[in-house]
Amino acid sequence: MAVLVLVLVAVGGLVGLGAYLRSVESDIGRVDVFTAVPEASRPAKAPEARDARNLLILGSDSRDPENTGGSRSDTIILAHIPRGGGSAQLVSIPRDTWVHVPASEDGRHGDRDAKINAAFAWGGVPLLVQTVEEFTDVRVDHVMMVDFAGFKEIVDALGGVEIDVAESFTSTHALTPDGRRRFTKGRQTMDGATTLDYARERYAFPDGDFTRIRHQQQVIRAILDKAASGGLLTNPVRLDDFLRATADAVSVDETLSLVELAMDLRHLRGGNLTFLTSPSRGTGRIGTESVVLADEAKARALYTAVRRDQVGEILAAAR
């Protein structure tokens, strides 16, 4: 979930509070991402896109019962911020997408085709960056990581969010004593635990991760709209709770200036966000594994538009 991006959007309008934002920034964990990414293997930045930014946003869910084999990145979003800001295009890459994973730094893993989230287990964030860059041919400028364990505190600090549930369903991996939570069709206010269960559930749906991606995109928009509301921005106590909860839940690469990003995104609102899912031909089986099969032609067109900062072409791919 692109919580950090949305936090920055919410506070980006507070142009007079640079010192406060820097104090929040100092509390956010930093990770050395790019030192271990071989520069020779990285795609070049297109000249026409030199002032655009591409952020790789990763979410990890340690409670997922499928995570018994090691760490996985359960949410992978490539966020494109065009030159001049004012909008953002967020491309969700299903975690089961079948791609080529380069060799890990220690040479023990990778250098073969696998599900994209295996890269995180084999070589951490650096190998996942390499894998995403090879798959998309888009250079990643920055990385943000969200710990789902802290996500519910972020939503609670907002006072909950409004979500319109399209169809009733039951989550069987919920944050409740019996592990079950019933979601009823219709618009409703969700607290942090309920929102997290809504955004992480995939076993209840025939198309699994694709519905989960749609729900995550829905939650992102709801958080943005709530965070950008005047009620939060004019309430110092709630704003501080919100930002501190976010600082506890996220980590970023060493080169990212959150203050600069906030300024770039200060005019961003829900209506300026475009959500896409990396083009695929649906699911299939490779050996014993159920995987998502990329639509290579459509994916190439989309990521070429991202690489060249061609917003019109990116939006066309969303239709």
Protein backbone atom coordinates (compact mmCIF):
# COMPACT_ATOMS: atom_id res chain seq x y z
CA MET A 1 0.00 0.00 0.00
CA ALA A 2 1.36 3.36 -0.97
CA VAL A 3 0.70 4.81 2.46
CA LEU A 4 3.85 6.88 2.56
CA VAL A 5 3.11 8.57 -0.74
CA LEU A 6 -0.31 9.47 0.55
CA VAL A 7 1.04 10.79 3.80
CA LEU A 8 3.33 13.10 1.87
CA VAL A 9 0.46 14.20 -0.29
CA ALA A 10 -1.57 15.03 2.79
CA VAL A 11 1.13 17.13 4.40
CA GLY A 12 2.66 18.53 1.24
CA GLY A 13 0.43 21.57 1.46
CA LEU A 14 1.98 22.49 4.80
CA VAL A 15 4.68 24.48 3.10
CA GLY A 16 5.38 26.51 6.22
CA LEU A 17 6.20 23.47 8.34
CA GLY A 18 9.44 22.32 6.78
CA ALA A 19 11.19 21.92 10.15
CA TYR A 20 8.33 19.77 11.43
CA LEU A 21 8.41 17.56 8.35
CA ARG A 22 12.16 17.14 8.74
CA SER A 23 11.67 15.99 12.32
CA VAL A 24 9.23 13.36 11.09
CA GLU A 25 11.65 12.40 8.34
CA SER A 26 14.40 11.78 10.89
CA ASP A 27 12.20 9.16 12.59
CA ILE A 28 11.73 7.10 9.43
CA GLY A 29 13.98 4.09 8.92
CA ARG A 30 16.53 4.23 6.11
CA VAL A 31 17.68 1.26 4.05
CA ASP A 32 20.71 1.01 1.77
CA VAL A 33 19.04 -0.20 -1.41
CA PHE A 34 21.10 0.81 -4.40
CA THR A 35 24.67 0.00 -3.34
CA ALA A 36 24.03 -3.67 -4.06
CA VAL A 37 22.30 -3.00 -7.41
CA PRO A 38 24.90 -3.26 -10.20
CA GLU A 39 24.80 -0.01 -12.15
CA ALA A 40 25.74 -1.78 -15.39
CA SER A 41 22.50 -3.76 -15.30
CA ARG A 42 20.21 -0.80 -14.65
CA PRO A 43 18.08 0.87 -17.35
CA ALA A 44 19.05 4.40 -18.28
CA LYS A 45 16.77 7.30 -17.50
CA ALA A 46 15.07 8.58 -20.65
CA PRO A 47 16.21 12.18 -21.37
CA GLU A 48 12.65 13.43 -21.63
CA ALA A 49 11.85 11.92 -18.20
CA ARG A 50 14.80 13.24 -16.25
CA ASP A 51 12.54 15.36 -14.01
CA ALA A 52 9.99 12.60 -13.44
CA ARG A 53 10.27 10.13 -10.55
CA ASN A 54 9.60 6.43 -10.28
CA LEU A 55 9.08 5.01 -6.80
CA LEU A 56 8.94 1.31 -5.98
CA ILE A 57 6.52 0.84 -3.09
CA LEU A 58 6.67 -2.49 -1.25
CA GLY A 59 4.36 -3.88 1.39
CA SER A 60 5.14 -6.91 3.54
CA ASP A 61 2.58 -8.93 5.49
CA SER A 62 4.24 -11.22 8.03
CA ARG A 63 0.86 -12.69 8.99
CA ASP A 64 0.23 -14.21 5.58
CA PRO A 65 0.04 -18.00 6.06
CA GLU A 66 1.94 -18.49 2.80
CA ASN A 67 4.97 -16.68 4.20
CA THR A 68 6.37 -19.78 5.91
CA GLY A 69 9.18 -20.10 3.39
CA GLY A 70 10.84 -16.76 4.05
CA SER A 71 10.22 -13.06 3.54
CA ARG A 72 8.03 -11.99 0.66
CA SER A 73 6.98 -8.64 -0.72
CA ASP A 74 3.21 -9.04 -0.80
CA THR A 75 2.47 -5.70 -2.45
CA ILE A 76 4.55 -4.29 -5.31
CA ILE A 77 3.59 -0.92 -6.78
CA LEU A 78 5.55 1.12 -9.31
CA ALA A 79 4.45 4.72 -8.75
CA HIS A 80 5.20 7.26 -11.49
CA ILE A 81 5.24 10.96 -10.63
CA PRO A 82 5.40 12.98 -13.86
CA ARG A 83 7.48 16.07 -14.38
CA GLY A 84 5.89 18.93 -12.47
CA GLY A 85 3.93 16.67 -10.11
CA GLY A 86 0.22 17.23 -9.78
CA SER A 87 -0.67 13.63 -10.64
CA ALA A 88 0.56 10.11 -10.07
CA GLN A 89 0.09 6.79 -11.81
CA LEU A 90 0.35 3.70 -9.62
CA VAL A 91 0.94 0.35 -11.32
CA SER A 92 0.34 -2.72 -9.15
CA ILE A 93 2.42 -5.75 -10.13
CA PRO A 94 0.80 -9.00 -8.93
CA ARG A 95 3.18 -10.81 -6.63
CA ASP A 96 2.80 -14.07 -8.56
CA THR A 97 3.86 -12.53 -11.89
CA TRP A 98 6.25 -14.92 -13.64
CA VAL A 99 9.46 -13.08 -14.53
CA HIS A 100 13.18 -13.58 -14.85
CA VAL A 101 14.94 -12.98 -11.52
CA PRO A 102 18.63 -11.99 -11.84
CA ALA A 103 21.26 -13.72 -9.74
CA SER A 104 21.44 -12.66 -6.11
CA GLU A 105 24.54 -10.87 -4.89
CA ASP A 106 25.88 -14.04 -3.22
CA GLY A 107 25.22 -16.06 -6.37
CA ARG A 108 23.18 -18.67 -4.49
CA HIS A 109 19.75 -17.77 -5.85
CA GLY A 110 18.05 -16.35 -8.89
CA ASP A 111 19.29 -16.29 -12.46
CA ARG A 112 16.11 -18.09 -13.41
CA ASP A 113 12.40 -17.54 -13.94
CA ALA A 114 10.22 -17.36 -10.83
CA LYS A 115 7.40 -15.43 -9.20
CA ILE A 116 8.45 -11.82 -8.85
CA ASN A 117 8.14 -11.75 -5.06
CA ALA A 118 10.70 -14.56 -4.77
CA ALA A 119 13.32 -11.93 -5.56
CA PHE A 120 12.75 -10.34 -2.16
CA ALA A 121 13.25 -13.65 -0.36
CA TRP A 122 16.43 -14.44 -2.33
CA GLY A 123 18.14 -11.07 -2.30
CA GLY A 124 16.11 -8.53 -0.35
CA VAL A 125 15.13 -5.15 -1.71
CA PRO A 126 18.18 -4.78 -4.01
CA LEU A 127 17.35 -7.95 -5.94
CA LEU A 128 13.69 -6.98 -6.16
CA VAL A 129 14.71 -3.59 -7.57
CA GLN A 130 16.85 -5.36 -10.18
CA THR A 131 13.99 -7.71 -11.03
CA VAL A 132 11.43 -4.92 -11.42
CA GLU A 133 13.83 -2.85 -13.50
CA GLU A 134 14.58 -5.79 -15.78
CA PHE A 135 10.87 -6.61 -16.13
CA THR A 136 9.74 -3.04 -16.83
CA ASP A 137 12.89 -1.40 -18.28
CA VAL A 138 12.02 1.53 -15.97
CA ARG A 139 14.69 2.96 -13.70
CA VAL A 140 13.63 3.02 -10.04
CA ASP A 141 14.60 6.31 -8.39
CA HIS A 142 13.48 5.54 -4.85
CA VAL A 143 12.07 2.74 -2.71
CA MET A 144 9.48 2.84 0.07
CA MET A 145 8.63 -0.11 2.29
CA VAL A 146 5.45 -0.42 4.35
CA ASP A 147 5.10 -2.82 7.27
CA PHE A 148 1.48 -3.95 7.33
CA ALA A 149 1.74 -4.52 11.09
CA GLY A 150 1.74 -0.74 11.56
CA PHE A 151 -0.86 -0.03 8.91
CA LYS A 152 -3.88 -0.24 11.20
CA GLU A 153 -2.43 2.44 13.50
CA ILE A 154 -2.19 4.78 10.50
CA VAL A 155 -5.87 4.31 9.65
CA ASP A 156 -6.89 4.66 13.30
CA ALA A 157 -4.93 7.91 13.52
CA LEU A 158 -7.14 9.17 10.69
CA GLY A 159 -10.28 8.20 12.59
CA GLY A 160 -11.06 5.44 10.08
CA VAL A 161 -11.75 5.57 6.34
CA GLU A 162 -14.85 5.26 4.16
CA ILE A 163 -14.93 2.16 1.96
CA ASP A 164 -17.66 1.02 -0.42
CA VAL A 165 -17.70 -2.78 -0.34
CA ALA A 166 -18.80 -4.02 -3.77
CA GLU A 167 -19.84 -7.53 -2.70
CA SER A 168 -20.23 -9.23 0.67
CA PHE A 169 -17.49 -11.68 1.66
CA THR A 170 -15.84 -13.26 4.70
CA SER A 171 -12.13 -12.93 5.50
CA THR A 172 -10.74 -16.10 7.05
CA HIS A 173 -7.36 -14.57 8.05
CA ALA A 174 -8.65 -11.61 10.02
CA LEU A 175 -7.41 -9.70 13.06
CA THR A 176 -10.16 -11.17 15.23
CA PRO A 177 -10.04 -13.88 17.92
CA ASP A 178 -11.49 -16.50 15.57
CA GLY A 179 -9.66 -15.20 12.48
CA ARG A 180 -12.89 -14.38 10.64
CA ARG A 181 -14.49 -11.08 9.67
CA ARG A 182 -17.66 -10.58 7.64
CA PHE A 183 -17.79 -7.70 5.16
CA THR A 184 -21.26 -6.63 4.05
CA LYS A 185 -21.95 -4.94 0.74
CA GLY A 186 -22.30 -1.16 0.97
CA ARG A 187 -20.49 1.98 2.09
CA GLN A 188 -19.12 1.96 5.62
CA THR A 189 -16.49 3.41 7.92
CA MET A 190 -13.66 0.99 8.73
CA ASP A 191 -11.17 1.23 11.57
CA GLY A 192 -7.55 0.18 11.15
CA ALA A 193 -7.91 -3.54 11.84
CA THR A 194 -10.98 -3.83 9.60
CA THR A 195 -9.30 -1.91 6.78
CA LEU A 196 -6.21 -4.11 7.00
CA ASP A 197 -8.33 -7.27 6.82
CA TYR A 198 -10.20 -5.83 3.84
CA ALA A 199 -7.02 -4.89 1.98
CA ARG A 200 -5.12 -8.13 2.59
CA GLU A 201 -7.82 -10.74 1.92
CA ARG A 202 -7.45 -12.74 -1.29
CA TYR A 203 -8.54 -16.29 -0.47
CA ALA A 204 -12.24 -15.35 -0.54
CA PHE A 205 -12.21 -14.43 -4.23
CA PRO A 206 -12.06 -16.50 -7.43
CA ASP A 207 -9.42 -14.19 -8.91
CA GLY A 208 -7.46 -13.97 -5.64
CA ASP A 209 -4.73 -11.38 -5.84
CA PHE A 210 -6.46 -9.33 -8.54
CA THR A 211 -9.38 -8.53 -6.21
CA ARG A 212 -6.93 -7.83 -3.41
CA ILE A 213 -5.12 -5.35 -5.66
CA ARG A 214 -8.41 -3.60 -6.44
CA HIS A 215 -9.21 -3.39 -2.73
CA GLN A 216 -5.76 -2.02 -1.96
CA GLN A 217 -6.16 0.64 -4.63
CA GLN A 218 -9.56 1.51 -3.16
CA VAL A 219 -8.04 1.86 0.31
CA ILE A 220 -5.20 4.03 -0.99
CA ARG A 221 -7.70 6.47 -2.47
CA ALA A 222 -9.75 6.48 0.74
CA ILE A 223 -6.69 7.21 2.87
CA LEU A 224 -5.63 10.00 0.55
CA ASP A 225 -9.04 11.65 0.60
CA LYS A 226 -9.25 11.41 4.39
CA ALA A 227 -5.66 12.53 4.99
CA ALA A 228 -6.06 15.51 2.67
CA SER A 229 -9.23 16.68 4.37
CA GLY A 230 -9.18 19.93 6.26
CA GLY A 231 -10.07 18.14 9.47
CA LEU A 232 -6.69 16.44 9.64
CA LEU A 233 -4.58 19.31 8.39
CA THR A 234 -6.07 21.76 10.89
CA ASN A 235 -5.85 19.44 13.90
CA PRO A 236 -2.22 19.41 15.14
CA VAL A 237 -2.75 16.49 17.54
CA ARG A 238 -4.38 14.22 14.94
CA LEU A 239 -1.85 15.24 12.30
CA ASP A 240 1.04 14.44 14.61
CA ASP A 241 -0.48 11.05 15.54
CA PHE A 242 -0.96 10.29 11.87
CA LEU A 243 2.58 11.20 10.84
CA ARG A 244 4.22 9.45 13.80
CA ALA A 245 2.24 6.27 13.13
CA THR A 246 3.38 6.46 9.52
CA ALA A 247 7.01 6.97 10.52
CA ASP A 248 6.80 3.78 12.59
CA ALA A 249 5.35 1.78 9.70
CA VAL A 250 7.60 2.76 6.80
CA SER A 251 11.22 2.70 5.70
CA VAL A 252 12.75 4.42 2.68
CA ASP A 253 15.99 4.35 0.75
CA GLU A 254 18.86 6.55 1.89
CA THR A 255 18.56 9.05 -0.97
CA LEU A 256 14.90 9.99 -0.68
CA SER A 257 14.00 13.42 0.69
CA LEU A 258 10.48 13.20 2.04
CA VAL A 259 10.24 16.98 2.29
CA GLU A 260 11.05 17.40 -1.41
CA LEU A 261 8.60 14.65 -2.34
CA ALA A 262 5.90 16.25 -0.21
CA MET A 263 6.38 19.51 -2.04
CA ASP A 264 6.19 17.76 -5.41
CA LEU A 265 2.91 16.12 -4.40
CA ARG A 266 1.27 18.91 -2.46
CA HIS A 267 -1.53 19.36 -5.01
CA LEU A 268 -2.25 15.64 -5.43
CA ARG A 269 -5.74 14.44 -4.53
CA GLY A 270 -7.75 11.31 -5.22
CA GLY A 271 -8.94 12.61 -8.56
CA ASN A 272 -5.36 12.97 -9.79
CA LEU A 273 -4.44 9.37 -9.05
CA THR A 274 -4.63 6.69 -11.72
CA PHE A 275 -4.48 3.06 -10.64
CA LEU A 276 -3.39 0.36 -13.06
CA THR A 277 -2.51 -3.30 -12.82
CA SER A 278 0.43 -4.61 -14.80
CA PRO A 279 -1.06 -6.17 -17.96
CA SER A 280 -1.45 -9.93 -17.82
CA ARG A 281 -2.97 -12.82 -19.70
CA GLY A 282 -4.46 -14.14 -16.47
CA THR A 283 -3.26 -17.04 -14.37
CA GLY A 284 -1.74 -20.34 -15.42
CA ARG A 285 0.50 -23.11 -14.18
CA ILE A 286 4.21 -23.50 -14.69
CA GLY A 287 5.33 -26.80 -13.25
CA THR A 288 3.62 -27.10 -9.88
CA GLU A 289 3.16 -23.35 -9.41
CA SER A 290 0.12 -21.18 -10.04
CA VAL A 291 1.41 -17.96 -11.60
CA VAL A 292 0.30 -14.74 -13.25
CA LEU A 293 1.35 -14.61 -16.90
CA ALA A 294 2.42 -11.18 -18.12
CA ASP A 295 0.96 -9.83 -21.36
CA GLU A 296 4.34 -8.89 -22.76
CA ALA A 297 3.15 -6.66 -25.60
CA LYS A 298 0.76 -4.59 -23.48
CA ALA A 299 3.23 -4.44 -20.60
CA ARG A 300 5.95 -3.20 -22.94
CA ALA A 301 3.67 -0.40 -24.21
CA LEU A 302 2.71 0.65 -20.68
CA TYR A 303 6.22 0.67 -19.25
CA THR A 304 7.63 2.41 -22.31
CA ALA A 305 5.15 5.23 -21.62
CA VAL A 306 6.22 5.29 -17.96
CA ARG A 307 9.90 5.36 -18.91
CA ARG A 308 9.34 8.27 -21.30
CA ASP A 309 7.00 10.17 -18.93
CA GLN A 310 4.20 10.04 -21.50
CA VAL A 311 1.24 10.53 -19.19
CA GLY A 312 -1.33 10.43 -21.97
CA GLU A 313 -0.10 7.03 -23.08
CA ILE A 314 -0.08 5.76 -19.49
CA LEU A 315 -3.68 6.91 -19.02
CA ALA A 316 -4.66 5.28 -22.29
CA ALA A 317 -3.32 1.99 -20.98
CA ALA A 318 -5.63 2.33 -17.96
CA ARG A 319 -8.76 2.42 -20.13
